[in-house]
Amino acid sequence: MTETEVLNVLSKVEHPAIRYSLLELGIVTDVELTGNKVKVVFAFPFPNIPIADFLIQSVAKPIKHLGLEFEYTTRVMNDEERNLFLQLEAEAWKG
């Protein structure tokens, strides 16, 4: 398994309310494959978003399905990242 293959799988994980993947939205910012472990950094637009756990599990599930271990950290987006996220959210909202 390569980091590129992991990124390919994660590129299909779409936000439940926005027609973009978590990678495209900048929520998944860093993915590192070391041995049998995938480390993911999640950047959320605001602290304490209610669906954070759901988004984390939506990434963990396909990684674990590949037989890999999953580890993650979280952070809050900076202003530039948040502005891009809000722009993409506005143009692709499913609601």
PDB file of N, CA and C in Angstrom:
ATOM      1  N   MET A   1       0.849  -1.178   0.000  1.00  0.00           N
ATOM      2  CA  MET A   1       0.000   0.000   0.000  1.00  0.00           C
ATOM      3  C   MET A   1       0.894   1.241   0.000  1.00  0.00           C
ATOM      4  N   THR A   2       0.563   2.203  -0.871  1.00  0.00           N
ATOM      5  CA  THR A   2       1.332   3.448  -0.926  1.00  0.00           C
ATOM      6  C   THR A   2       0.477   4.615  -0.431  1.00  0.00           C
ATOM      7  N   GLU A   3       1.144   5.708  -0.140  1.00  0.00           N
ATOM      8  CA  GLU A   3       0.434   6.910   0.296  1.00  0.00           C
ATOM      9  C   GLU A   3      -0.513   7.389  -0.813  1.00  0.00           C
ATOM     10  N   THR A   4      -0.094   7.252  -2.066  1.00  0.00           N
ATOM     11  CA  THR A   4      -0.939   7.648  -3.203  1.00  0.00           C
ATOM     12  C   THR A   4      -2.215   6.819  -3.250  1.00  0.00           C
ATOM     13  N   GLU A   5      -2.101   5.523  -2.975  1.00  0.00           N
ATOM     14  CA  GLU A   5      -3.289   4.658  -2.962  1.00  0.00           C
ATOM     15  C   GLU A   5      -4.235   5.046  -1.828  1.00  0.00           C
ATOM     16  N   VAL A   6      -3.670   5.379  -0.676  1.00  0.00           N
ATOM     17  CA  VAL A   6      -4.496   5.822   0.454  1.00  0.00           C
ATOM     18  C   VAL A   6      -5.202   7.126   0.097  1.00  0.00           C
ATOM     19  N   LEU A   7      -4.483   8.073  -0.497  1.00  0.00           N
ATOM     20  CA  LEU A   7      -5.093   9.342  -0.901  1.00  0.00           C
ATOM     21  C   LEU A   7      -6.189   9.126  -1.929  1.00  0.00           C
ATOM     22  N   ASN A   8      -5.996   8.176  -2.826  1.00  0.00           N
ATOM     23  CA  ASN A   8      -7.017   7.864  -3.826  1.00  0.00           C
ATOM     24  C   ASN A   8      -8.301   7.379  -3.156  1.00  0.00           C
ATOM     25  N   VAL A   9      -8.170   6.516  -2.160  1.00  0.00           N
ATOM     26  CA  VAL A   9      -9.336   6.025  -1.425  1.00  0.00           C
ATOM     27  C   VAL A   9     -10.004   7.179  -0.678  1.00  0.00           C
ATOM     28  N   LEU A  10      -9.207   8.013  -0.029  1.00  0.00           N
ATOM     29  CA  LEU A  10      -9.770   9.119   0.748  1.00  0.00           C
ATOM     30  C   LEU A  10     -10.391  10.203  -0.137  1.00  0.00           C
ATOM     31  N   SER A  11      -9.950  10.287  -1.377  1.00  0.00           N
ATOM     32  CA  SER A  11     -10.523  11.292  -2.285  1.00  0.00           C
ATOM     33  C   SER A  11     -11.991  11.017  -2.588  1.00  0.00           C
ATOM     34  N   LYS A  12     -12.458   9.827  -2.260  1.00  0.00           N
ATOM     35  CA  LYS A  12     -13.855   9.449  -2.494  1.00  0.00           C
ATOM     36  C   LYS A  12     -14.745   9.695  -1.269  1.00  0.00           C
ATOM     37  N   VAL A  13     -14.147  10.118  -0.149  1.00  0.00           N
ATOM     38  CA  VAL A  13     -14.913  10.369   1.081  1.00  0.00           C
ATOM     39  C   VAL A  13     -15.488  11.783   1.000  1.00  0.00           C
ATOM     40  N   GLU A  14     -16.785  11.851   0.746  1.00  0.00           N
ATOM     41  CA  GLU A  14     -17.457  13.126   0.544  1.00  0.00           C
ATOM     42  C   GLU A  14     -18.079  13.636   1.844  1.00  0.00           C
ATOM     43  N   HIS A  15     -18.109  14.935   1.966  1.00  0.00           N
ATOM     44  CA  HIS A  15     -18.789  15.579   3.096  1.00  0.00           C
ATOM     45  C   HIS A  15     -20.278  15.250   2.989  1.00  0.00           C
ATOM     46  N   PRO A  16     -20.973  14.974   4.090  1.00  0.00           N
ATOM     47  CA  PRO A  16     -22.381  14.579   4.001  1.00  0.00           C
ATOM     48  C   PRO A  16     -23.319  15.679   3.495  1.00  0.00           C
ATOM     49  N   ALA A  17     -22.917  16.939   3.605  1.00  0.00           N
ATOM     50  CA  ALA A  17     -23.819  18.032   3.210  1.00  0.00           C
ATOM     51  C   ALA A  17     -23.278  18.892   2.074  1.00  0.00           C
ATOM     52  N   ILE A  18     -22.053  18.586   1.610  1.00  0.00           N
ATOM     53  CA  ILE A  18     -21.411  19.388   0.570  1.00  0.00           C
ATOM     54  C   ILE A  18     -20.878  18.435  -0.500  1.00  0.00           C
ATOM     55  N   ARG A  19     -21.113  18.770  -1.764  1.00  0.00           N
ATOM     56  CA  ARG A  19     -20.699  17.884  -2.854  1.00  0.00           C
ATOM     57  C   ARG A  19     -19.203  18.012  -3.180  1.00  0.00           C
ATOM     58  N   TYR A  20     -18.392  17.850  -2.184  1.00  0.00           N
ATOM     59  CA  TYR A  20     -16.940  17.814  -2.349  1.00  0.00           C
ATOM     60  C   TYR A  20     -16.386  16.803  -1.359  1.00  0.00           C
ATOM     61  N   SER A  21     -15.212  16.277  -1.687  1.00  0.00           N
ATOM     62  CA  SER A  21     -14.558  15.355  -0.751  1.00  0.00           C
ATOM     63  C   SER A  21     -13.947  16.156   0.392  1.00  0.00           C
ATOM     64  N   LEU A  22     -13.645  15.451   1.468  1.00  0.00           N
ATOM     65  CA  LEU A  22     -13.005  16.104   2.605  1.00  0.00           C
ATOM     66  C   LEU A  22     -11.621  16.624   2.230  1.00  0.00           C
ATOM     67  N   LEU A  23     -10.969  15.967   1.269  1.00  0.00           N
ATOM     68  CA  LEU A  23      -9.684  16.456   0.773  1.00  0.00           C
ATOM     69  C   LEU A  23      -9.869  17.768   0.019  1.00  0.00           C
ATOM     70  N   GLU A  24     -10.857  17.808  -0.878  1.00  0.00           N
ATOM     71  CA  GLU A  24     -11.098  19.028  -1.662  1.00  0.00           C
ATOM     72  C   GLU A  24     -11.489  20.208  -0.775  1.00  0.00           C
ATOM     73  N   LEU A  25     -12.223  19.927   0.282  1.00  0.00           N
ATOM     74  CA  LEU A  25     -12.662  20.980   1.198  1.00  0.00           C
ATOM     75  C   LEU A  25     -11.550  21.447   2.140  1.00  0.00           C
ATOM     76  N   GLY A  26     -10.451  20.722   2.171  1.00  0.00           N
ATOM     77  CA  GLY A  26      -9.351  21.088   3.056  1.00  0.00           C
ATOM     78  C   GLY A  26      -9.544  20.621   4.484  1.00  0.00           C
ATOM     79  N   ILE A  27     -10.525  19.756   4.709  1.00  0.00           N
ATOM     80  CA  ILE A  27     -10.737  19.212   6.056  1.00  0.00           C
ATOM     81  C   ILE A  27      -9.665  18.166   6.360  1.00  0.00           C
ATOM     82  N   VAL A  28      -9.370  17.305   5.398  1.00  0.00           N
ATOM     83  CA  VAL A  28      -8.239  16.390   5.528  1.00  0.00           C
ATOM     84  C   VAL A  28      -7.054  17.100   4.895  1.00  0.00           C
ATOM     85  N   THR A  29      -6.084  17.497   5.732  1.00  0.00           N
ATOM     86  CA  THR A  29      -4.984  18.314   5.222  1.00  0.00           C
ATOM     87  C   THR A  29      -3.695  17.545   5.012  1.00  0.00           C
ATOM     88  N   ASP A  30      -3.423  16.608   5.866  1.00  0.00           N
ATOM     89  CA  ASP A  30      -2.178  15.849   5.767  1.00  0.00           C
ATOM     90  C   ASP A  30      -2.473  14.379   5.975  1.00  0.00           C
ATOM     91  N   VAL A  31      -1.895  13.562   5.102  1.00  0.00           N
ATOM     92  CA  VAL A  31      -2.032  12.111   5.215  1.00  0.00           C
ATOM     93  C   VAL A  31      -0.626  11.533   5.101  1.00  0.00           C
ATOM     94  N   GLU A  32      -0.248  10.774   6.109  1.00  0.00           N
ATOM     95  CA  GLU A  32       1.088  10.192   6.137  1.00  0.00           C
ATOM     96  C   GLU A  32       0.976   8.695   6.405  1.00  0.00           C
ATOM     97  N   LEU A  33       1.581   7.926   5.522  1.00  0.00           N
ATOM     98  CA  LEU A  33       1.614   6.471   5.677  1.00  0.00           C
ATOM     99  C   LEU A  33       2.999   6.073   6.149  1.00  0.00           C
ATOM    100  N   THR A  34       3.056   5.455   7.325  1.00  0.00           N
ATOM    101  CA  THR A  34       4.314   4.959   7.871  1.00  0.00           C
ATOM    102  C   THR A  34       4.097   3.521   8.268  1.00  0.00           C
ATOM    103  N   GLY A  35       4.707   2.614   7.514  1.00  0.00           N
ATOM    104  CA  GLY A  35       4.510   1.195   7.783  1.00  0.00           C
ATOM    105  C   GLY A  35       3.056   0.825   7.550  1.00  0.00           C
ATOM    106  N   ASN A  36       2.395   0.385   8.603  1.00  0.00           N
ATOM    107  CA  ASN A  36       1.000  -0.052   8.519  1.00  0.00           C
ATOM    108  C   ASN A  36       0.050   0.971   9.157  1.00  0.00           C
ATOM    109  N   LYS A  37       0.555   2.193   9.404  1.00  0.00           N
ATOM    110  CA  LYS A  37      -0.236   3.204  10.093  1.00  0.00           C
ATOM    111  C   LYS A  37      -0.422   4.438   9.209  1.00  0.00           C
ATOM    112  N   VAL A  38      -1.664   4.919   9.159  1.00  0.00           N
ATOM    113  CA  VAL A  38      -1.976   6.144   8.442  1.00  0.00           C
ATOM    114  C   VAL A  38      -2.288   7.219   9.476  1.00  0.00           C
ATOM    115  N   LYS A  39      -1.551   8.323   9.408  1.00  0.00           N
ATOM    116  CA  LYS A  39      -1.801   9.466  10.280  1.00  0.00           C
ATOM    117  C   LYS A  39      -2.475  10.549   9.441  1.00  0.00           C
ATOM    118  N   VAL A  40      -3.594  11.048   9.947  1.00  0.00           N
ATOM    119  CA  VAL A  40      -4.380  12.054   9.229  1.00  0.00           C
ATOM    120  C   VAL A  40      -4.531  13.284  10.112  1.00  0.00           C
ATOM    121  N   VAL A  41      -4.384  14.464   9.495  1.00  0.00           N
ATOM    122  CA  VAL A  41      -4.661  15.714  10.192  1.00  0.00           C
ATOM    123  C   VAL A  41      -5.971  16.266   9.645  1.00  0.00           C
ATOM    124  N   PHE A  42      -6.907  16.533  10.552  1.00  0.00           N
ATOM    125  CA  PHE A  42      -8.187  17.126  10.201  1.00  0.00           C
ATOM    126  C   PHE A  42      -8.150  18.602  10.580  1.00  0.00           C
ATOM    127  N   ALA A  43      -8.507  19.458   9.633  1.00  0.00           N
ATOM    128  CA  ALA A  43      -8.622  20.891   9.901  1.00  0.00           C
ATOM    129  C   ALA A  43     -10.099  21.235   9.783  1.00  0.00           C
ATOM    130  N   PHE A  44     -10.689  21.667  10.876  1.00  0.00           N
ATOM    131  CA  PHE A  44     -12.103  22.018  10.880  1.00  0.00           C
ATOM    132  C   PHE A  44     -12.258  23.530  10.796  1.00  0.00           C
ATOM    133  N   PRO A  45     -13.309  23.996  10.124  1.00  0.00           N
ATOM    134  CA  PRO A  45     -13.457  25.439   9.930  1.00  0.00           C
ATOM    135  C   PRO A  45     -13.679  26.208  11.233  1.00  0.00           C
ATOM    136  N   PHE A  46     -14.244  25.540  12.221  1.00  0.00           N
ATOM    137  CA  PHE A  46     -14.529  26.170  13.512  1.00  0.00           C
ATOM    138  C   PHE A  46     -14.275  25.144  14.609  1.00  0.00           C
ATOM    139  N   PRO A  47     -13.982  25.587  15.823  1.00  0.00           N
ATOM    140  CA  PRO A  47     -13.816  24.622  16.914  1.00  0.00           C
ATOM    141  C   PRO A  47     -15.149  23.955  17.259  1.00  0.00           C
ATOM    142  N   ASN A  48     -15.082  22.755  17.723  1.00  0.00           N
ATOM    143  CA  ASN A  48     -16.255  22.024  18.237  1.00  0.00           C
ATOM    144  C   ASN A  48     -17.397  21.881  17.232  1.00  0.00           C
ATOM    145  N   ILE A  49     -17.084  21.566  15.968  1.00  0.00           N
ATOM    146  CA  ILE A  49     -18.178  21.354  15.021  1.00  0.00           C
ATOM    147  C   ILE A  49     -18.908  20.066  15.377  1.00  0.00           C
ATOM    148  N   PRO A  50     -20.231  20.062  15.269  1.00  0.00           N
ATOM    149  CA  PRO A  50     -21.016  18.918  15.748  1.00  0.00           C
ATOM    150  C   PRO A  50     -20.772  17.613  14.997  1.00  0.00           C
ATOM    151  N   ILE A  51     -20.331  17.684  13.736  1.00  0.00           N
ATOM    152  CA  ILE A  51     -20.146  16.440  12.981  1.00  0.00           C
ATOM    153  C   ILE A  51     -18.685  16.002  12.911  1.00  0.00           C
ATOM    154  N   ALA A  52     -17.835  16.553  13.756  1.00  0.00           N
ATOM    155  CA  ALA A  52     -16.409  16.207  13.721  1.00  0.00           C
ATOM    156  C   ALA A  52     -16.192  14.702  13.850  1.00  0.00           C
ATOM    157  N   ASP A  53     -16.831  14.067  14.832  1.00  0.00           N
ATOM    158  CA  ASP A  53     -16.647  12.625  15.019  1.00  0.00           C
ATOM    159  C   ASP A  53     -17.122  11.839  13.810  1.00  0.00           C
ATOM    160  N   PHE A  54     -18.238  12.258  13.211  1.00  0.00           N
ATOM    161  CA  PHE A  54     -18.747  11.593  12.015  1.00  0.00           C
ATOM    162  C   PHE A  54     -17.730  11.694  10.873  1.00  0.00           C
ATOM    163  N   LEU A  55     -17.156  12.879  10.676  1.00  0.00           N
ATOM    164  CA  LEU A  55     -16.177  13.063   9.605  1.00  0.00           C
ATOM    165  C   LEU A  55     -14.927  12.236   9.853  1.00  0.00           C
ATOM    166  N   ILE A  56     -14.480  12.194  11.093  1.00  0.00           N
ATOM    167  CA  ILE A  56     -13.296  11.392  11.434  1.00  0.00           C
ATOM    168  C   ILE A  56     -13.568   9.921  11.151  1.00  0.00           C
ATOM    169  N   GLN A  57     -14.724   9.424  11.550  1.00  0.00           N
ATOM    170  CA  GLN A  57     -15.061   8.015  11.307  1.00  0.00           C
ATOM    171  C   GLN A  57     -15.254   7.719   9.825  1.00  0.00           C
ATOM    172  N   SER A  58     -15.710   8.699   9.052  1.00  0.00           N
ATOM    173  CA  SER A  58     -15.889   8.480   7.614  1.00  0.00           C
ATOM    174  C   SER A  58     -14.547   8.322   6.904  1.00  0.00           C
ATOM    175  N   VAL A  59     -13.482   8.815   7.515  1.00  0.00           N
ATOM    176  CA  VAL A  59     -12.127   8.614   6.991  1.00  0.00           C
ATOM    177  C   VAL A  59     -11.511   7.358   7.591  1.00  0.00           C
ATOM    178  N   ALA A  60     -11.760   7.119   8.869  1.00  0.00           N
ATOM    179  CA  ALA A  60     -11.184   5.947   9.538  1.00  0.00           C
ATOM    180  C   ALA A  60     -11.662   4.640   8.912  1.00  0.00           C
ATOM    181  N   LYS A  61     -12.936   4.579   8.571  1.00  0.00           N
ATOM    182  CA  LYS A  61     -13.523   3.333   8.065  1.00  0.00           C
ATOM    183  C   LYS A  61     -12.815   2.809   6.814  1.00  0.00           C
ATOM    184  N   PRO A  62     -12.645   3.607   5.746  1.00  0.00           N
ATOM    185  CA  PRO A  62     -11.958   3.052   4.572  1.00  0.00           C
ATOM    186  C   PRO A  62     -10.483   2.734   4.832  1.00  0.00           C
ATOM    187  N   ILE A  63      -9.853   3.485   5.730  1.00  0.00           N
ATOM    188  CA  ILE A  63      -8.454   3.187   6.054  1.00  0.00           C
ATOM    189  C   ILE A  63      -8.362   1.837   6.753  1.00  0.00           C
ATOM    190  N   LYS A  64      -9.231   1.618   7.732  1.00  0.00           N
ATOM    191  CA  LYS A  64      -9.235   0.338   8.440  1.00  0.00           C
ATOM    192  C   LYS A  64      -9.635  -0.802   7.510  1.00  0.00           C
ATOM    193  N   HIS A  65     -10.520  -0.516   6.550  1.00  0.00           N
ATOM    194  CA  HIS A  65     -10.933  -1.524   5.572  1.00  0.00           C
ATOM    195  C   HIS A  65      -9.738  -1.979   4.717  1.00  0.00           C
ATOM    196  N   LEU A  66      -8.769  -1.093   4.541  1.00  0.00           N
ATOM    197  CA  LEU A  66      -7.551  -1.446   3.806  1.00  0.00           C
ATOM    198  C   LEU A  66      -6.591  -2.272   4.662  1.00  0.00           C
ATOM    199  N   GLY A  67      -6.948  -2.496   5.934  1.00  0.00           N
ATOM    200  CA  GLY A  67      -6.090  -3.258   6.828  1.00  0.00           C
ATOM    201  C   GLY A  67      -5.020  -2.410   7.489  1.00  0.00           C
ATOM    202  N   LEU A  68      -5.211  -1.103   7.504  1.00  0.00           N
ATOM    203  CA  LEU A  68      -4.224  -0.195   8.072  1.00  0.00           C
ATOM    204  C   LEU A  68      -4.711   0.370   9.398  1.00  0.00           C
ATOM    205  N   GLU A  69      -3.777   0.748  10.233  1.00  0.00           N
ATOM    206  CA  GLU A  69      -4.112   1.416  11.491  1.00  0.00           C
ATOM    207  C   GLU A  69      -4.393   2.885  11.192  1.00  0.00           C
ATOM    208  N   PHE A  70      -5.213   3.504  12.041  1.00  0.00           N
ATOM    209  CA  PHE A  70      -5.624   4.892  11.836  1.00  0.00           C
ATOM    210  C   PHE A  70      -5.304   5.713  13.069  1.00  0.00           C
ATOM    211  N   GLU A  71      -4.670   6.841  12.847  1.00  0.00           N
ATOM    212  CA  GLU A  71      -4.353   7.771  13.922  1.00  0.00           C
ATOM    213  C   GLU A  71      -4.638   9.171  13.389  1.00  0.00           C
ATOM    214  N   TYR A  72      -5.104  10.065  14.239  1.00  0.00           N
ATOM    215  CA  TYR A  72      -5.423  11.405  13.747  1.00  0.00           C
ATOM    216  C   TYR A  72      -5.171  12.480  14.790  1.00  0.00           C
ATOM    217  N   THR A  73      -5.042  13.688  14.289  1.00  0.00           N
ATOM    218  CA  THR A  73      -5.024  14.886  15.118  1.00  0.00           C
ATOM    219  C   THR A  73      -5.979  15.883  14.474  1.00  0.00           C
ATOM    220  N   THR A  74      -6.393  16.876  15.247  1.00  0.00           N
ATOM    221  CA  THR A  74      -7.284  17.901  14.717  1.00  0.00           C
ATOM    222  C   THR A  74      -6.710  19.284  14.988  1.00  0.00           C
ATOM    223  N   ARG A  75      -7.150  20.224  14.184  1.00  0.00           N
ATOM    224  CA  ARG A  75      -6.793  21.621  14.370  1.00  0.00           C
ATOM    225  C   ARG A  75      -7.899  22.471  13.759  1.00  0.00           C
ATOM    226  N   VAL A  76      -7.854  23.759  13.983  1.00  0.00           N
ATOM    227  CA  VAL A  76      -8.809  24.684  13.395  1.00  0.00           C
ATOM    228  C   VAL A  76      -8.149  25.328  12.166  1.00  0.00           C
ATOM    229  N   MET A  77      -8.922  25.473  11.106  1.00  0.00           N
ATOM    230  CA  MET A  77      -8.412  26.091   9.876  1.00  0.00           C
ATOM    231  C   MET A  77      -7.952  27.525  10.133  1.00  0.00           C
ATOM    232  N   ASN A  78      -6.947  27.944   9.362  1.00  0.00           N
ATOM    233  CA  ASN A  78      -6.568  29.352   9.401  1.00  0.00           C
ATOM    234  C   ASN A  78      -7.559  30.145   8.532  1.00  0.00           C
ATOM    235  N   ASP A  79      -7.448  31.447   8.506  1.00  0.00           N
ATOM    236  CA  ASP A  79      -8.417  32.285   7.785  1.00  0.00           C
ATOM    237  C   ASP A  79      -8.492  31.950   6.295  1.00  0.00           C
ATOM    238  N   GLU A  80      -7.359  31.737   5.667  1.00  0.00           N
ATOM    239  CA  GLU A  80      -7.328  31.421   4.225  1.00  0.00           C
ATOM    240  C   GLU A  80      -8.031  30.093   3.956  1.00  0.00           C
ATOM    241  N   GLU A  81      -7.716  29.076   4.743  1.00  0.00           N
ATOM    242  CA  GLU A  81      -8.351  27.763   4.582  1.00  0.00           C
ATOM    243  C   GLU A  81      -9.861  27.857   4.822  1.00  0.00           C
ATOM    244  N   ARG A  82     -10.259  28.591   5.858  1.00  0.00           N
ATOM    245  CA  ARG A  82     -11.682  28.737   6.191  1.00  0.00           C
ATOM    246  C   ARG A  82     -12.430  29.456   5.067  1.00  0.00           C
ATOM    247  N   ASN A  83     -11.837  30.498   4.504  1.00  0.00           N
ATOM    248  CA  ASN A  83     -12.483  31.230   3.413  1.00  0.00           C
ATOM    249  C   ASN A  83     -12.703  30.333   2.201  1.00  0.00           C
ATOM    250  N   LEU A  84     -11.710  29.509   1.858  1.00  0.00           N
ATOM    251  CA  LEU A  84     -11.864  28.572   0.743  1.00  0.00           C
ATOM    252  C   LEU A  84     -12.956  27.563   1.050  1.00  0.00           C
ATOM    253  N   PHE A  85     -12.951  27.024   2.270  1.00  0.00           N
ATOM    254  CA  PHE A  85     -13.975  26.069   2.670  1.00  0.00           C
ATOM    255  C   PHE A  85     -15.368  26.685   2.533  1.00  0.00           C
ATOM    256  N   LEU A  86     -15.554  27.895   3.037  1.00  0.00           N
ATOM    257  CA  LEU A  86     -16.869  28.548   2.994  1.00  0.00           C
ATOM    258  C   LEU A  86     -17.305  28.839   1.560  1.00  0.00           C
ATOM    259  N   GLN A  87     -16.354  29.163   0.704  1.00  0.00           N
ATOM    260  CA  GLN A  87     -16.666  29.381  -0.710  1.00  0.00           C
ATOM    261  C   GLN A  87     -17.147  28.079  -1.361  1.00  0.00           C
ATOM    262  N   LEU A  88     -16.426  26.992  -1.118  1.00  0.00           N
ATOM    263  CA  LEU A  88     -16.813  25.693  -1.686  1.00  0.00           C
ATOM    264  C   LEU A  88     -18.142  25.225  -1.106  1.00  0.00           C
ATOM    265  N   GLU A  89     -18.351  25.454   0.177  1.00  0.00           N
ATOM    266  CA  GLU A  89     -19.605  25.082   0.826  1.00  0.00           C
ATOM    267  C   GLU A  89     -20.771  25.809   0.165  1.00  0.00           C
ATOM    268  N   ALA A  90     -20.604  27.093  -0.096  1.00  0.00           N
ATOM    269  CA  ALA A  90     -21.672  27.899  -0.693  1.00  0.00           C
ATOM    270  C   ALA A  90     -22.039  27.424  -2.098  1.00  0.00           C
ATOM    271  N   GLU A  91     -21.047  26.980  -2.852  1.00  0.00           N
ATOM    272  CA  GLU A  91     -21.340  26.563  -4.239  1.00  0.00           C
ATOM    273  C   GLU A  91     -21.793  25.122  -4.365  1.00  0.00           C
ATOM    274  N   ALA A  92     -21.586  24.313  -3.341  1.00  0.00           N
ATOM    275  CA  ALA A  92     -21.899  22.881  -3.482  1.00  0.00           C
ATOM    276  C   ALA A  92     -22.767  22.331  -2.352  1.00  0.00           C
ATOM    277  N   TRP A  93     -23.486  23.177  -1.653  1.00  0.00           N
ATOM    278  CA  TRP A  93     -24.349  22.744  -0.548  1.00  0.00           C
ATOM    279  C   TRP A  93     -25.443  21.838  -1.073  1.00  0.00           C
ATOM    280  N   LYS A  94     -25.653  20.685  -0.469  1.00  0.00           N
ATOM    281  CA  LYS A  94     -26.667  19.735  -0.912  1.00  0.00           C
ATOM    282  C   LYS A  94     -28.060  20.068  -0.394  1.00  0.00           C
ATOM    283  N   GLY A  95     -28.105  20.752   0.778  1.00  0.00           N
ATOM    284  CA  GLY A  95     -29.326  21.000   1.489  1.00  0.00           C
ATOM    285  C   GLY A  95     -30.465  21.469   0.659  1.00  0.00           C
TER     286      GLY A  95
END
